């Protein structure tokens, strides 16, 4: 029952923008150490990320950069077993941040408390950190890095108790829970088929194009991802077309805005990303002037 739970919060959509980390060390099924620090991401803060975790650029002005904190963080990671909720996000932040510092990648094994919970408590209506914590009577403040790491640790401990296993390895073998290696190579993503709704977007005809050339959507290429709560994707595209935008079904180098539905936006901040979001992040990291916009901000813009 020895492992280290971690959680990162990020300043924006880039995985190199860690602005906080929480670390919880578990030995023999007991929490023996907790560490938390703010991190100066040397990057701009996105409104949506700050709205979720409450961290601002002012708060991290005197905080260490990831490179400065890495010598303290590395012993908690290297040659350890790591737990994180939606681990692909946190491990991605860790690896890309280490790459950015030109440091050697640590070697470790890792598992996802989301995947663990899904196997051990399959009947829960979802397996978000807050849902599982509530089910197990774990009190915590969501989107605080240390609190999230502690919750992931306690969920994993409870899963081992429920399965009467004494290690993550034993539990993974008995219940077919994947334990990954940091040395695993990433598989090439499969080609994603466009939905019929996406395919129809380029053919939407505006009712009345507004000749406001200063509107941010005028002349812009817009792509949508995730279900919108306020309207259908085709109706949203019509609003955008009326502001002079062209709506497309796929993200490419000509895309100016990726509009994310409210439900998908929450998942996005937690690290669950559609292929369009991943493509947008890759392009942003390469310097393409592409902006990710939430549903509510999109509505404010089209009705402005």
Protein backbone atom coordinates (compact mmCIF):
# COMPACT_ATOMS: atom_id res chain seq x y z
CA UNK A 1 0.00 0.00 0.00
CA UNK A 2 2.84 2.37 -0.87
CA UNK A 3 2.32 5.07 -3.49
CA UNK A 4 2.38 8.82 -4.10
CA UNK A 5 -0.76 10.71 -5.20
CA UNK A 6 -0.29 13.90 -7.21
CA UNK A 7 -2.48 16.58 -8.71
CA UNK A 8 -1.63 19.55 -10.94
CA UNK A 9 -3.63 22.68 -11.66
CA UNK A 10 -2.77 24.59 -14.82
CA UNK A 11 -2.94 28.25 -15.80
CA UNK A 12 -4.27 27.58 -19.30
CA UNK A 13 -4.82 24.81 -21.83
CA UNK A 14 -1.10 24.09 -22.20
CA UNK A 15 0.24 21.18 -20.18
CA UNK A 16 3.42 23.15 -19.57
CA UNK A 17 1.45 25.74 -17.56
CA UNK A 18 1.37 24.06 -14.12
CA UNK A 19 0.49 26.68 -11.49
CA UNK A 20 0.06 24.41 -8.46
CA UNK A 21 0.94 20.88 -7.41
CA UNK A 22 -0.24 18.73 -4.53
CA UNK A 23 1.69 15.65 -3.35
CA UNK A 24 0.46 13.02 -0.88
CA UNK A 25 2.78 10.21 0.23
CA UNK A 26 1.17 6.93 1.36
CA UNK A 27 3.12 4.21 3.16
CA UNK A 28 1.49 1.02 4.48
CA UNK A 29 -1.94 2.42 3.67
CA UNK A 30 -1.43 5.60 5.72
CA UNK A 31 -0.79 9.18 4.63
CA UNK A 32 2.60 10.15 6.07
CA UNK A 33 3.44 13.35 4.19
CA UNK A 34 1.73 16.12 2.24
CA UNK A 35 3.34 18.84 0.12
CA UNK A 36 1.75 21.69 -1.79
CA UNK A 37 3.16 24.67 -3.63
CA UNK A 38 2.11 27.29 -6.12
CA UNK A 39 4.17 27.31 -9.32
CA UNK A 40 4.91 30.27 -11.56
CA UNK A 41 3.99 28.89 -15.00
CA UNK A 42 5.69 31.74 -16.88
CA UNK A 43 2.52 31.71 -18.94
CA UNK A 44 -0.76 33.63 -19.13
CA UNK A 45 -3.74 32.58 -17.03
CA UNK A 46 -6.89 31.58 -18.88
CA UNK A 47 -10.15 32.96 -17.45
CA UNK A 48 -11.75 29.51 -17.30
CA UNK A 49 -8.87 27.89 -15.47
CA UNK A 50 -8.79 30.66 -12.86
CA UNK A 51 -12.56 30.41 -12.51
CA UNK A 52 -12.17 26.72 -11.64
CA UNK A 53 -9.18 26.75 -9.26
CA UNK A 54 -9.05 30.41 -8.16
CA UNK A 55 -5.32 30.87 -8.83
CA UNK A 56 -4.29 34.15 -10.48
CA UNK A 57 -1.06 35.45 -11.99
CA UNK A 58 -0.67 37.79 -8.99
CA UNK A 59 -0.69 34.82 -6.58
CA UNK A 60 2.22 33.06 -8.33
CA UNK A 61 4.52 36.06 -8.83
CA UNK A 62 6.87 34.96 -6.04
CA UNK A 63 6.33 31.21 -6.49
CA UNK A 64 9.08 28.95 -7.88
CA UNK A 65 8.97 27.98 -11.54
CA UNK A 66 8.58 24.28 -12.36
CA UNK A 67 12.30 24.11 -13.13
CA UNK A 68 13.15 25.65 -9.76
CA UNK A 69 10.83 23.27 -7.89
CA UNK A 70 11.80 20.15 -9.85
CA UNK A 71 14.75 19.13 -7.57
CA UNK A 72 12.25 18.96 -4.67
CA UNK A 73 9.53 17.25 -6.71
CA UNK A 74 11.70 14.63 -8.43
CA UNK A 75 12.31 12.39 -5.35
CA UNK A 76 8.54 12.02 -4.93
CA UNK A 77 8.21 10.84 -8.55
CA UNK A 78 11.33 8.95 -9.62
CA UNK A 79 11.12 5.16 -9.12
CA UNK A 80 7.75 5.55 -7.36
CA UNK A 81 4.20 4.36 -7.99
CA UNK A 82 2.05 7.38 -8.80
CA UNK A 83 -1.71 7.79 -8.45
CA UNK A 84 -3.74 10.61 -10.02
CA UNK A 85 -7.38 11.12 -10.93
CA UNK A 86 -7.65 11.31 -14.72
CA UNK A 87 -3.98 10.40 -14.67
CA UNK A 88 -3.40 11.05 -18.38
CA UNK A 89 -3.76 14.77 -17.66
CA UNK A 90 -1.47 14.97 -14.61
CA UNK A 91 1.16 12.66 -16.09
CA UNK A 92 1.01 14.72 -19.29
CA UNK A 93 1.61 17.92 -17.29
CA UNK A 94 4.52 16.27 -15.48
CA UNK A 95 6.22 14.91 -18.60
CA UNK A 96 5.77 18.02 -20.74
CA UNK A 97 6.92 20.28 -17.92
CA UNK A 98 10.05 18.17 -17.45
CA UNK A 99 10.68 18.31 -21.21
CA UNK A 100 10.32 22.08 -21.15
CA UNK A 101 13.11 22.24 -18.55
CA UNK A 102 15.34 19.96 -20.67
CA UNK A 103 15.60 17.62 -17.70
CA UNK A 104 15.85 13.83 -17.89
CA UNK A 105 12.46 12.15 -17.58
CA UNK A 106 11.91 10.30 -14.27
CA UNK A 107 10.97 6.62 -14.34
CA UNK A 108 7.86 5.50 -12.49
CA UNK A 109 4.69 3.46 -12.66
CA UNK A 110 1.28 5.10 -12.49
CA UNK A 111 -2.39 4.26 -12.24
CA UNK A 112 -5.57 6.30 -12.41
CA UNK A 113 -7.93 6.52 -9.41
CA UNK A 114 -10.76 7.21 -11.89
CA UNK A 115 -10.12 3.84 -13.54
CA UNK A 116 -9.71 2.15 -10.18
CA UNK A 117 -13.04 3.53 -8.94
CA UNK A 118 -14.77 2.52 -12.16
CA UNK A 119 -13.69 -1.10 -11.59
CA UNK A 120 -14.35 -1.24 -7.85
CA UNK A 121 -17.59 0.78 -7.71
CA UNK A 122 -19.07 0.18 -11.19
CA UNK A 123 -22.64 1.11 -10.19
CA UNK A 124 -21.93 4.78 -9.41
CA UNK A 125 -23.64 7.08 -11.94
CA UNK A 126 -20.24 8.62 -12.78
CA UNK A 127 -16.71 8.43 -11.46
CA UNK A 128 -15.73 12.07 -11.11
CA UNK A 129 -13.54 12.81 -8.11
CA UNK A 130 -16.35 14.68 -6.34
CA UNK A 131 -18.86 11.86 -6.91
CA UNK A 132 -16.61 9.12 -5.54
CA UNK A 133 -15.46 11.27 -2.63
CA UNK A 134 -19.06 11.99 -1.71
CA UNK A 135 -19.93 8.29 -1.91
CA UNK A 136 -17.00 7.41 0.39
CA UNK A 137 -17.69 10.38 2.74
CA UNK A 138 -14.36 12.00 1.89
CA UNK A 139 -14.54 15.74 2.48
CA UNK A 140 -12.40 17.92 0.26
CA UNK A 141 -12.26 21.19 -1.65
CA UNK A 142 -12.33 20.35 -5.35
CA UNK A 143 -9.66 21.88 -7.65
CA UNK A 144 -7.27 22.55 -4.80
CA UNK A 145 -4.19 20.54 -5.83
CA UNK A 146 -3.43 19.12 -2.37
CA UNK A 147 -7.07 18.37 -1.58
CA UNK A 148 -7.54 16.61 -4.94
CA UNK A 149 -4.35 14.58 -4.46
CA UNK A 150 -5.46 13.58 -0.96
CA UNK A 151 -8.90 12.54 -2.25
CA UNK A 152 -7.28 10.40 -4.98
CA UNK A 153 -5.05 8.79 -2.34
CA UNK A 154 -7.96 8.04 0.01
CA UNK A 155 -10.05 6.60 -2.84
CA UNK A 156 -7.18 4.26 -3.73
CA UNK A 157 -6.74 3.22 -0.09
CA UNK A 158 -10.48 2.50 0.21
CA UNK A 159 -10.38 0.49 -3.02
CA UNK A 160 -7.58 -1.69 -1.61
CA UNK A 161 -9.49 -2.17 1.61
CA UNK A 162 -12.64 -3.15 -0.26
CA UNK A 163 -10.75 -5.64 -2.43
CA UNK A 164 -8.65 -6.88 0.53
CA UNK A 165 -5.46 -6.35 -1.40
CA UNK A 166 -2.18 -5.14 0.05
CA UNK A 167 -0.70 -3.42 -2.99
CA UNK A 168 -1.68 -1.65 -6.16
CA UNK A 169 -0.02 -4.44 -8.14
CA UNK A 170 -2.14 -7.09 -6.43
CA UNK A 171 -5.34 -5.11 -6.94
CA UNK A 172 -4.49 -4.46 -10.59
CA UNK A 173 -3.91 -8.15 -11.27
CA UNK A 174 -7.11 -9.28 -9.55
CA UNK A 175 -9.36 -6.62 -11.07
CA UNK A 176 -7.65 -5.94 -14.40
CA UNK A 177 -6.71 -2.35 -13.57
CA UNK A 178 -3.99 -1.07 -15.85
CA UNK A 179 -0.76 0.11 -14.27
CA UNK A 180 1.25 2.10 -16.80
CA UNK A 181 4.96 2.73 -17.06
CA UNK A 182 6.41 6.17 -17.69
CA UNK A 183 8.43 4.48 -20.44
CA UNK A 184 5.31 3.45 -22.37
CA UNK A 185 5.15 4.94 -25.85
CA UNK A 186 2.01 6.77 -26.88
CA UNK A 187 -0.10 5.14 -29.57
CA UNK A 188 -0.90 7.16 -32.66
CA UNK A 189 -4.45 8.53 -32.42
CA UNK A 190 -7.02 6.91 -34.65
CA UNK A 191 -8.73 9.01 -37.27
CA UNK A 192 -11.90 10.59 -35.91
CA UNK A 193 -14.97 10.62 -38.12
CA UNK A 194 -16.84 13.87 -38.49
CA UNK A 195 -20.40 13.93 -37.22
CA UNK A 196 -23.20 14.68 -39.70
CA UNK A 197 -23.82 17.93 -37.83
CA UNK A 198 -20.18 18.99 -38.23
CA UNK A 199 -20.26 18.14 -41.93
CA UNK A 200 -23.25 20.45 -42.41
CA UNK A 201 -21.68 23.48 -40.70
CA UNK A 202 -19.78 24.89 -43.72
CA UNK A 203 -23.06 25.02 -45.67
CA UNK A 204 -25.00 27.10 -43.13
CA UNK A 205 -26.29 30.29 -44.73
CA UNK A 206 -26.53 33.38 -42.51
CA UNK A 207 -29.87 35.18 -42.20
CA UNK A 208 -28.32 38.62 -42.09
CA UNK A 209 -24.56 39.13 -41.96
CA UNK A 210 -23.67 41.93 -39.59
CA UNK A 211 -21.20 44.28 -41.25
CA UNK A 212 -19.31 44.96 -38.03
CA UNK A 213 -15.77 44.26 -39.17
CA UNK A 214 -14.50 44.90 -35.63
CA UNK A 215 -16.51 42.02 -34.16
CA UNK A 216 -14.07 39.23 -33.11
CA UNK A 217 -16.04 36.67 -35.14
CA UNK A 218 -16.06 38.70 -38.37
CA UNK A 219 -14.02 36.77 -40.94
CA UNK A 220 -13.08 34.14 -38.34
CA UNK A 221 -13.10 30.35 -38.75
CA UNK A 222 -14.98 28.68 -35.90
CA UNK A 223 -15.15 25.02 -34.82
CA UNK A 224 -17.46 23.58 -32.14
CA UNK A 225 -16.86 20.69 -29.73
CA UNK A 226 -18.99 19.19 -26.97
CA UNK A 227 -22.73 19.40 -26.44
CA UNK A 228 -24.04 22.92 -25.84
CA UNK A 229 -26.64 23.43 -23.10
CA UNK A 230 -28.20 26.59 -24.53
CA UNK A 231 -28.77 25.58 -28.18
CA UNK A 232 -27.92 23.07 -30.89
CA UNK A 233 -24.59 23.27 -32.65
CA UNK A 234 -26.27 24.26 -35.93
CA UNK A 235 -28.12 27.15 -34.25
CA UNK A 236 -24.88 28.31 -32.63
CA UNK A 237 -23.20 28.17 -36.04
CA UNK A 238 -25.98 30.31 -37.51
CA UNK A 239 -25.46 32.95 -34.82
CA UNK A 240 -21.73 32.95 -35.63
CA UNK A 241 -22.38 33.11 -39.38
CA UNK A 242 -24.60 36.15 -38.81
CA UNK A 243 -21.55 37.84 -37.25
CA UNK A 244 -19.52 37.12 -40.37
CA UNK A 245 -17.85 33.87 -39.27
CA UNK A 246 -17.29 30.67 -41.23
CA UNK A 247 -18.06 27.49 -39.30
CA UNK A 248 -16.09 24.31 -39.95
CA UNK A 249 -16.15 20.75 -38.71
CA UNK A 250 -12.48 20.20 -37.91
CA UNK A 251 -9.64 22.10 -36.22
CA UNK A 252 -6.76 23.10 -38.51
CA UNK A 253 -4.17 25.88 -38.81
CA UNK A 254 -6.82 28.27 -40.16
CA UNK A 255 -9.10 27.87 -37.11
CA UNK A 256 -9.44 31.06 -35.05
CA UNK A 257 -11.85 29.88 -32.32
CA UNK A 258 -12.73 26.51 -30.82
CA UNK A 259 -16.06 26.88 -29.00
CA UNK A 260 -16.48 24.37 -26.15
CA UNK A 261 -19.88 23.43 -24.71
CA UNK A 262 -20.32 24.01 -20.96
CA UNK A 263 -20.28 20.32 -19.97
CA UNK A 264 -17.23 19.59 -22.10
CA UNK A 265 -15.52 22.71 -20.69
CA UNK A 266 -15.71 21.35 -17.15
CA UNK A 267 -14.23 18.05 -18.33
CA UNK A 268 -11.59 19.95 -20.30
CA UNK A 269 -10.35 21.80 -17.21
CA UNK A 270 -10.18 18.42 -15.44
CA UNK A 271 -8.05 17.06 -18.25
CA UNK A 272 -10.66 15.12 -20.26
CA UNK A 273 -10.24 16.39 -23.81
CA UNK A 274 -11.83 15.69 -27.17
CA UNK A 275 -9.66 15.18 -30.25
CA UNK A 276 -10.53 18.74 -31.32
CA UNK A 277 -9.30 20.12 -27.99
CA UNK A 278 -6.07 18.15 -28.25
CA UNK A 279 -5.54 19.39 -31.81
CA UNK A 280 -6.23 22.98 -30.71
CA UNK A 281 -3.71 22.67 -27.86
CA UNK A 282 -1.06 21.33 -30.24
CA UNK A 283 -1.60 24.26 -32.61
CA UNK A 284 -1.55 26.82 -29.78
CA UNK A 285 1.72 25.36 -28.53
CA UNK A 286 3.14 25.77 -32.05
CA UNK A 287 2.22 29.46 -31.99
CA UNK A 288 -0.99 29.38 -34.05
CA UNK A 289 -3.28 32.25 -32.87
CA UNK A 290 -6.19 29.99 -31.93
CA UNK A 291 -8.44 30.74 -28.95
CA UNK A 292 -10.52 28.28 -26.91
CA UNK A 293 -13.83 29.88 -25.94
CA UNK A 294 -16.45 28.53 -23.51
CA UNK A 295 -20.15 28.40 -24.34
CA UNK A 296 -21.14 31.31 -22.09
CA UNK A 297 -18.50 33.63 -23.54
CA UNK A 298 -19.53 32.57 -27.05
CA UNK A 299 -23.13 33.55 -26.25
CA UNK A 300 -22.05 36.92 -24.92
CA UNK A 301 -20.06 37.58 -28.08
CA UNK A 302 -22.71 36.55 -30.60
CA UNK A 303 -25.38 38.56 -28.80
CA UNK A 304 -23.15 41.61 -28.43
